[in-house]
Amino acid sequence: MNVLSTRSIDAVAVGTMALPLVAAALLWGSLPAEMAIHWNGETPDTVVAKPLATVGLFAFGAASVAFVRIAPDSATSTPGGTTLSVLFLGVTFAWVQATVLVWNLGYRFDVGRAALPILALAGLLVAYAVRSGRF
């Protein structure tokens, strides 16, 4: 069985990032015109227009995947290799997009705690990289 190609991995990462974007499109009328995208504790301190908060974050994530693939190894530090890093980016951006979407739909929660699963995933990625000698 062949290992998935880098294009397939990229498609999985970008496709994962697209899920919250599709949800935002379906819920467009329920979202505020100005959306919080950054918080200081439980209080938002940065808001942007709805299109930037939804499409812009997705575009930034897709550009990050492209950067990891295109940039020379000397310009990036990709623990675990580029494939795992691209998958990590996909999950991270999807999680952030979903967090922004849910909060702006009126569900209030501690956004700092919402970041804990991503921090745990990052720790696992680095531990894997150290253990396998890739970092």
N, C-alpha and C. Protein backbone atom coordinates (compact mmCIF):
# COMPACT_ATOMS: atom_id res chain seq x y z
N MET A 1 0.84 -1.18 0.00
CA MET A 1 0.00 0.00 0.00
C MET A 1 0.89 1.24 0.00
N ASN A 2 0.62 2.16 -0.89
CA ASN A 2 1.40 3.38 -0.98
C ASN A 2 1.01 4.35 0.13
N VAL A 3 2.01 5.08 0.57
CA VAL A 3 1.76 6.13 1.54
C VAL A 3 1.04 7.27 0.82
N LEU A 4 0.16 7.94 1.52
CA LEU A 4 -0.56 9.06 0.91
C LEU A 4 0.41 10.09 0.36
N SER A 5 0.08 10.65 -0.77
CA SER A 5 0.92 11.68 -1.37
C SER A 5 0.81 12.98 -0.58
N THR A 6 1.78 13.86 -0.79
CA THR A 6 1.73 15.15 -0.10
C THR A 6 0.50 15.94 -0.52
N ARG A 7 0.09 15.79 -1.77
CA ARG A 7 -1.13 16.48 -2.22
C ARG A 7 -2.35 15.98 -1.46
N SER A 8 -2.41 14.68 -1.20
CA SER A 8 -3.53 14.13 -0.45
C SER A 8 -3.53 14.65 0.98
N ILE A 9 -2.35 14.70 1.58
CA ILE A 9 -2.24 15.21 2.95
C ILE A 9 -2.64 16.68 2.99
N ASP A 10 -2.18 17.45 2.01
CA ASP A 10 -2.55 18.86 1.94
C ASP A 10 -4.07 19.01 1.78
N ALA A 11 -4.66 18.16 0.97
CA ALA A 11 -6.11 18.21 0.76
C ALA A 11 -6.86 17.89 2.05
N VAL A 12 -6.36 16.94 2.82
CA VAL A 12 -6.99 16.61 4.11
C VAL A 12 -6.88 17.81 5.05
N ALA A 13 -5.70 18.42 5.11
CA ALA A 13 -5.50 19.57 6.01
C ALA A 13 -6.39 20.75 5.61
N VAL A 14 -6.39 21.10 4.34
CA VAL A 14 -7.19 22.24 3.88
C VAL A 14 -8.68 21.90 3.96
N GLY A 15 -9.03 20.66 3.67
CA GLY A 15 -10.42 20.23 3.79
C GLY A 15 -10.92 20.32 5.22
N THR A 16 -10.06 19.97 6.17
CA THR A 16 -10.42 20.09 7.58
C THR A 16 -10.64 21.55 7.95
N MET A 17 -9.77 22.43 7.42
CA MET A 17 -9.94 23.86 7.67
C MET A 17 -11.20 24.41 7.03
N ALA A 18 -11.66 23.78 5.96
CA ALA A 18 -12.84 24.27 5.24
C ALA A 18 -14.14 23.95 5.97
N LEU A 19 -14.14 22.97 6.85
CA LEU A 19 -15.38 22.58 7.54
C LEU A 19 -16.00 23.74 8.33
N PRO A 20 -15.23 24.46 9.17
CA PRO A 20 -15.84 25.61 9.85
C PRO A 20 -16.26 26.72 8.88
N LEU A 21 -15.56 26.84 7.76
CA LEU A 21 -15.94 27.85 6.76
C LEU A 21 -17.30 27.51 6.16
N VAL A 22 -17.53 26.24 5.88
CA VAL A 22 -18.84 25.81 5.38
C VAL A 22 -19.91 26.06 6.43
N ALA A 23 -19.60 25.75 7.69
CA ALA A 23 -20.55 26.01 8.77
C ALA A 23 -20.86 27.50 8.86
N ALA A 24 -19.83 28.34 8.72
CA ALA A 24 -20.05 29.79 8.77
C ALA A 24 -20.94 30.25 7.62
N ALA A 25 -20.74 29.67 6.44
CA ALA A 25 -21.58 30.03 5.29
C ALA A 25 -23.04 29.65 5.55
N LEU A 26 -23.24 28.48 6.16
CA LEU A 26 -24.60 28.03 6.45
C LEU A 26 -25.26 28.87 7.54
N LEU A 27 -24.45 29.40 8.45
CA LEU A 27 -24.97 30.17 9.58
C LEU A 27 -24.74 31.67 9.40
N TRP A 28 -24.44 32.10 8.19
CA TRP A 28 -24.05 33.48 7.90
C TRP A 28 -25.01 34.50 8.51
N GLY A 29 -26.29 34.30 8.36
CA GLY A 29 -27.27 35.25 8.87
C GLY A 29 -27.31 35.34 10.39
N SER A 30 -26.85 34.31 11.07
CA SER A 30 -26.84 34.31 12.54
C SER A 30 -25.58 34.93 13.13
N LEU A 31 -24.58 35.17 12.30
CA LEU A 31 -23.32 35.72 12.78
C LEU A 31 -23.39 37.25 12.81
N PRO A 32 -22.72 37.86 13.79
CA PRO A 32 -22.71 39.33 13.83
C PRO A 32 -21.86 39.90 12.69
N ALA A 33 -22.13 41.15 12.33
CA ALA A 33 -21.37 41.81 11.25
C ALA A 33 -19.90 41.98 11.64
N GLU A 34 -19.64 42.22 12.91
CA GLU A 34 -18.28 42.33 13.45
C GLU A 34 -18.07 41.14 14.37
N MET A 35 -17.03 40.36 14.09
CA MET A 35 -16.79 39.14 14.86
C MET A 35 -15.51 39.25 15.68
N ALA A 36 -15.59 38.76 16.92
CA ALA A 36 -14.40 38.70 17.77
C ALA A 36 -13.47 37.62 17.23
N ILE A 37 -12.17 37.95 17.16
CA ILE A 37 -11.19 36.96 16.70
C ILE A 37 -10.04 36.81 17.68
N HIS A 38 -9.98 37.67 18.70
CA HIS A 38 -8.91 37.58 19.69
C HIS A 38 -9.49 37.98 21.04
N TRP A 39 -9.02 37.31 22.08
CA TRP A 39 -9.54 37.55 23.42
C TRP A 39 -8.42 37.84 24.39
N ASN A 40 -8.74 38.62 25.42
CA ASN A 40 -7.87 38.85 26.56
C ASN A 40 -8.58 38.20 27.73
N GLY A 41 -8.25 36.96 27.99
CA GLY A 41 -9.00 36.20 28.97
C GLY A 41 -10.33 35.78 28.36
N GLU A 42 -11.42 36.21 28.99
CA GLU A 42 -12.74 35.87 28.46
C GLU A 42 -13.38 37.03 27.70
N THR A 43 -12.63 38.13 27.55
CA THR A 43 -13.17 39.33 26.91
C THR A 43 -12.53 39.53 25.54
N PRO A 44 -13.33 39.69 24.50
CA PRO A 44 -12.73 39.93 23.18
C PRO A 44 -12.05 41.30 23.14
N ASP A 45 -10.86 41.34 22.53
CA ASP A 45 -10.17 42.62 22.40
C ASP A 45 -9.88 42.99 20.94
N THR A 46 -10.26 42.12 20.01
CA THR A 46 -10.11 42.42 18.59
C THR A 46 -11.32 41.89 17.84
N VAL A 47 -11.96 42.76 17.08
CA VAL A 47 -13.07 42.35 16.23
C VAL A 47 -12.76 42.79 14.80
N VAL A 48 -13.25 42.00 13.85
CA VAL A 48 -13.08 42.32 12.43
C VAL A 48 -14.39 42.03 11.71
N ALA A 49 -14.49 42.48 10.49
CA ALA A 49 -15.69 42.23 9.69
C ALA A 49 -15.88 40.73 9.48
N LYS A 50 -17.12 40.33 9.38
CA LYS A 50 -17.48 38.92 9.25
C LYS A 50 -16.72 38.21 8.12
N PRO A 51 -16.62 38.78 6.92
CA PRO A 51 -15.89 38.07 5.86
C PRO A 51 -14.42 37.81 6.21
N LEU A 52 -13.78 38.77 6.87
CA LEU A 52 -12.39 38.58 7.25
C LEU A 52 -12.25 37.51 8.33
N ALA A 53 -13.18 37.49 9.27
CA ALA A 53 -13.13 36.51 10.36
C ALA A 53 -13.37 35.09 9.87
N THR A 54 -14.07 34.94 8.78
CA THR A 54 -14.40 33.60 8.29
C THR A 54 -13.48 33.21 7.13
N VAL A 55 -13.60 33.89 6.02
CA VAL A 55 -12.81 33.56 4.83
C VAL A 55 -11.34 33.89 5.05
N GLY A 56 -11.07 35.00 5.73
CA GLY A 56 -9.69 35.41 5.96
C GLY A 56 -8.90 34.41 6.78
N LEU A 57 -9.51 33.87 7.82
CA LEU A 57 -8.82 32.89 8.65
C LEU A 57 -8.56 31.61 7.87
N PHE A 58 -9.51 31.19 7.07
CA PHE A 58 -9.32 30.02 6.21
C PHE A 58 -8.16 30.27 5.23
N ALA A 59 -8.15 31.44 4.60
CA ALA A 59 -7.09 31.76 3.63
C ALA A 59 -5.72 31.78 4.31
N PHE A 60 -5.66 32.30 5.53
CA PHE A 60 -4.40 32.31 6.27
C PHE A 60 -3.93 30.88 6.55
N GLY A 61 -4.86 30.01 6.90
CA GLY A 61 -4.50 28.61 7.14
C GLY A 61 -4.00 27.92 5.89
N ALA A 62 -4.69 28.12 4.78
CA ALA A 62 -4.26 27.51 3.51
C ALA A 62 -2.90 28.05 3.09
N ALA A 63 -2.67 29.34 3.30
CA ALA A 63 -1.36 29.92 2.98
C ALA A 63 -0.27 29.34 3.88
N SER A 64 -0.60 29.04 5.12
CA SER A 64 0.37 28.43 6.03
C SER A 64 0.78 27.05 5.55
N VAL A 65 -0.19 26.28 5.08
CA VAL A 65 0.12 24.96 4.52
C VAL A 65 1.04 25.11 3.31
N ALA A 66 0.72 26.04 2.43
CA ALA A 66 1.55 26.27 1.25
C ALA A 66 2.96 26.69 1.65
N PHE A 67 3.07 27.55 2.66
CA PHE A 67 4.39 28.00 3.12
C PHE A 67 5.22 26.82 3.62
N VAL A 68 4.62 25.96 4.42
CA VAL A 68 5.36 24.81 4.96
C VAL A 68 5.85 23.92 3.82
N ARG A 69 5.06 23.77 2.78
CA ARG A 69 5.45 22.93 1.65
C ARG A 69 6.49 23.59 0.75
N ILE A 70 6.38 24.90 0.56
CA ILE A 70 7.22 25.59 -0.42
C ILE A 70 8.53 26.11 0.17
N ALA A 71 8.49 26.57 1.41
CA ALA A 71 9.68 27.17 2.02
C ALA A 71 10.79 26.14 2.18
N PRO A 72 12.03 26.58 2.06
CA PRO A 72 13.14 25.66 2.27
C PRO A 72 13.19 25.20 3.73
N ASP A 73 13.75 24.03 3.96
CA ASP A 73 13.82 23.49 5.32
C ASP A 73 14.52 24.44 6.28
N SER A 74 15.47 25.22 5.78
CA SER A 74 16.19 26.14 6.66
C SER A 74 15.30 27.27 7.18
N ALA A 75 14.18 27.52 6.50
CA ALA A 75 13.27 28.61 6.91
C ALA A 75 12.15 28.12 7.81
N THR A 76 12.01 26.83 7.96
CA THR A 76 10.93 26.29 8.78
C THR A 76 11.49 25.30 9.79
N SER A 77 10.79 25.15 10.86
CA SER A 77 11.09 24.13 11.85
C SER A 77 9.84 23.27 11.94
N THR A 78 9.90 22.10 11.36
CA THR A 78 8.71 21.25 11.30
C THR A 78 8.94 19.97 12.09
N PRO A 79 8.66 20.01 13.38
CA PRO A 79 8.86 18.80 14.19
C PRO A 79 8.00 17.66 13.67
N GLY A 80 8.62 16.52 13.51
CA GLY A 80 7.88 15.36 13.01
C GLY A 80 7.83 15.31 11.50
N GLY A 81 8.42 16.29 10.82
CA GLY A 81 8.39 16.31 9.36
C GLY A 81 7.26 17.18 8.84
N THR A 82 7.34 17.51 7.57
CA THR A 82 6.36 18.43 7.00
C THR A 82 4.96 17.83 6.96
N THR A 83 4.85 16.53 6.74
CA THR A 83 3.51 15.93 6.64
C THR A 83 2.75 16.07 7.95
N LEU A 84 3.38 15.71 9.06
CA LEU A 84 2.70 15.86 10.36
C LEU A 84 2.45 17.33 10.68
N SER A 85 3.37 18.19 10.30
CA SER A 85 3.18 19.62 10.56
C SER A 85 2.00 20.17 9.77
N VAL A 86 1.85 19.73 8.52
CA VAL A 86 0.71 20.17 7.71
C VAL A 86 -0.60 19.68 8.32
N LEU A 87 -0.64 18.44 8.76
CA LEU A 87 -1.85 17.93 9.41
C LEU A 87 -2.14 18.70 10.70
N PHE A 88 -1.09 19.00 11.46
CA PHE A 88 -1.26 19.79 12.68
C PHE A 88 -1.83 21.17 12.35
N LEU A 89 -1.32 21.80 11.30
CA LEU A 89 -1.86 23.10 10.88
C LEU A 89 -3.34 23.00 10.54
N GLY A 90 -3.71 21.95 9.81
CA GLY A 90 -5.11 21.77 9.44
C GLY A 90 -6.02 21.67 10.65
N VAL A 91 -5.62 20.85 11.60
CA VAL A 91 -6.42 20.67 12.82
C VAL A 91 -6.44 21.96 13.64
N THR A 92 -5.29 22.61 13.76
CA THR A 92 -5.21 23.84 14.55
C THR A 92 -6.08 24.95 13.97
N PHE A 93 -5.96 25.18 12.67
CA PHE A 93 -6.77 26.24 12.06
C PHE A 93 -8.26 25.90 12.12
N ALA A 94 -8.61 24.65 11.93
CA ALA A 94 -10.02 24.26 12.03
C ALA A 94 -10.54 24.50 13.45
N TRP A 95 -9.73 24.16 14.44
CA TRP A 95 -10.12 24.36 15.83
C TRP A 95 -10.30 25.84 16.14
N VAL A 96 -9.36 26.66 15.69
CA VAL A 96 -9.45 28.10 15.94
C VAL A 96 -10.68 28.68 15.23
N GLN A 97 -10.89 28.29 13.98
CA GLN A 97 -12.05 28.78 13.24
C GLN A 97 -13.35 28.37 13.94
N ALA A 98 -13.41 27.13 14.40
CA ALA A 98 -14.61 26.65 15.09
C ALA A 98 -14.81 27.42 16.40
N THR A 99 -13.73 27.68 17.12
CA THR A 99 -13.82 28.44 18.37
C THR A 99 -14.36 29.85 18.10
N VAL A 100 -13.83 30.51 17.08
CA VAL A 100 -14.30 31.85 16.71
C VAL A 100 -15.77 31.80 16.32
N LEU A 101 -16.13 30.82 15.54
CA LEU A 101 -17.51 30.69 15.07
C LEU A 101 -18.48 30.48 16.23
N VAL A 102 -18.18 29.53 17.09
CA VAL A 102 -19.07 29.20 18.21
C VAL A 102 -19.20 30.39 19.16
N TRP A 103 -18.09 31.05 19.47
CA TRP A 103 -18.15 32.19 20.39
C TRP A 103 -19.01 33.30 19.80
N ASN A 104 -18.85 33.55 18.51
CA ASN A 104 -19.61 34.63 17.86
C ASN A 104 -21.07 34.27 17.62
N LEU A 105 -21.41 33.01 17.77
CA LEU A 105 -22.82 32.60 17.71
C LEU A 105 -23.51 32.80 19.06
N GLY A 106 -22.76 33.27 20.06
CA GLY A 106 -23.37 33.61 21.34
C GLY A 106 -23.06 32.65 22.47
N TYR A 107 -22.30 31.60 22.21
CA TYR A 107 -21.93 30.67 23.28
C TYR A 107 -20.67 31.18 23.95
N ARG A 108 -20.76 31.53 25.22
CA ARG A 108 -19.64 32.12 25.93
C ARG A 108 -18.89 31.06 26.74
N PHE A 109 -17.59 31.10 26.65
CA PHE A 109 -16.72 30.15 27.35
C PHE A 109 -15.34 30.78 27.47
N ASP A 110 -14.49 30.17 28.28
CA ASP A 110 -13.12 30.65 28.45
C ASP A 110 -12.31 30.22 27.24
N VAL A 111 -11.97 31.18 26.40
CA VAL A 111 -11.26 30.88 25.15
C VAL A 111 -9.86 30.34 25.44
N GLY A 112 -9.26 30.78 26.54
CA GLY A 112 -7.94 30.26 26.91
C GLY A 112 -7.98 28.76 27.13
N ARG A 113 -9.03 28.29 27.77
CA ARG A 113 -9.17 26.85 27.98
C ARG A 113 -9.46 26.12 26.68
N ALA A 114 -10.09 26.80 25.76
CA ALA A 114 -10.38 26.17 24.46
C ALA A 114 -9.10 25.88 23.70
N ALA A 115 -8.02 26.56 24.04
CA ALA A 115 -6.73 26.33 23.37
C ALA A 115 -5.98 25.12 23.93
N LEU A 116 -6.40 24.61 25.07
CA LEU A 116 -5.67 23.51 25.71
C LEU A 116 -5.54 22.26 24.84
N PRO A 117 -6.58 21.82 24.12
CA PRO A 117 -6.40 20.64 23.27
C PRO A 117 -5.33 20.84 22.19
N ILE A 118 -5.22 22.04 21.66
CA ILE A 118 -4.20 22.31 20.65
C ILE A 118 -2.81 22.28 21.28
N LEU A 119 -2.69 22.82 22.48
CA LEU A 119 -1.40 22.77 23.17
C LEU A 119 -1.00 21.33 23.46
N ALA A 120 -1.96 20.51 23.86
CA ALA A 120 -1.68 19.09 24.10
C ALA A 120 -1.25 18.40 22.81
N LEU A 121 -1.93 18.69 21.71
CA LEU A 121 -1.57 18.11 20.42
C LEU A 121 -0.18 18.56 19.99
N ALA A 122 0.16 19.82 20.23
CA ALA A 122 1.50 20.32 19.90
C ALA A 122 2.55 19.59 20.74
N GLY A 123 2.26 19.36 22.00
CA GLY A 123 3.17 18.61 22.85
C GLY A 123 3.40 17.20 22.35
N LEU A 124 2.32 16.55 21.91
CA LEU A 124 2.46 15.20 21.36
C LEU A 124 3.29 15.20 20.08
N LEU A 125 3.10 16.21 19.24
CA LEU A 125 3.87 16.31 18.00
C LEU A 125 5.36 16.49 18.30
N VAL A 126 5.68 17.35 19.24
CA VAL A 126 7.08 17.57 19.60
C VAL A 126 7.67 16.32 20.26
N ALA A 127 6.91 15.67 21.13
CA ALA A 127 7.39 14.44 21.76
C ALA A 127 7.68 13.37 20.71
N TYR A 128 6.80 13.24 19.73
CA TYR A 128 7.02 12.29 18.64
C TYR A 128 8.29 12.65 17.87
N ALA A 129 8.47 13.93 17.59
CA ALA A 129 9.64 14.38 16.83
C ALA A 129 10.93 14.10 17.59
N VAL A 130 10.93 14.36 18.89
CA VAL A 130 12.11 14.11 19.70
C VAL A 130 12.39 12.61 19.78
N ARG A 131 11.35 11.84 20.00
CA ARG A 131 11.52 10.39 20.14
C ARG A 131 12.01 9.74 18.85
N SER A 132 11.53 10.25 17.72
CA SER A 132 11.92 9.66 16.44
C SER A 132 13.21 10.26 15.88
N GLY A 133 13.77 11.24 16.59
CA GLY A 133 15.02 11.85 16.16
C GLY A 133 14.87 12.86 15.04
N ARG A 134 13.66 13.34 14.81
CA ARG A 134 13.43 14.31 13.73
C ARG A 134 13.54 15.75 14.21
N PHE A 135 13.77 15.94 15.49
CA PHE A 135 13.81 17.31 16.01
C PHE A 135 15.01 17.49 16.89
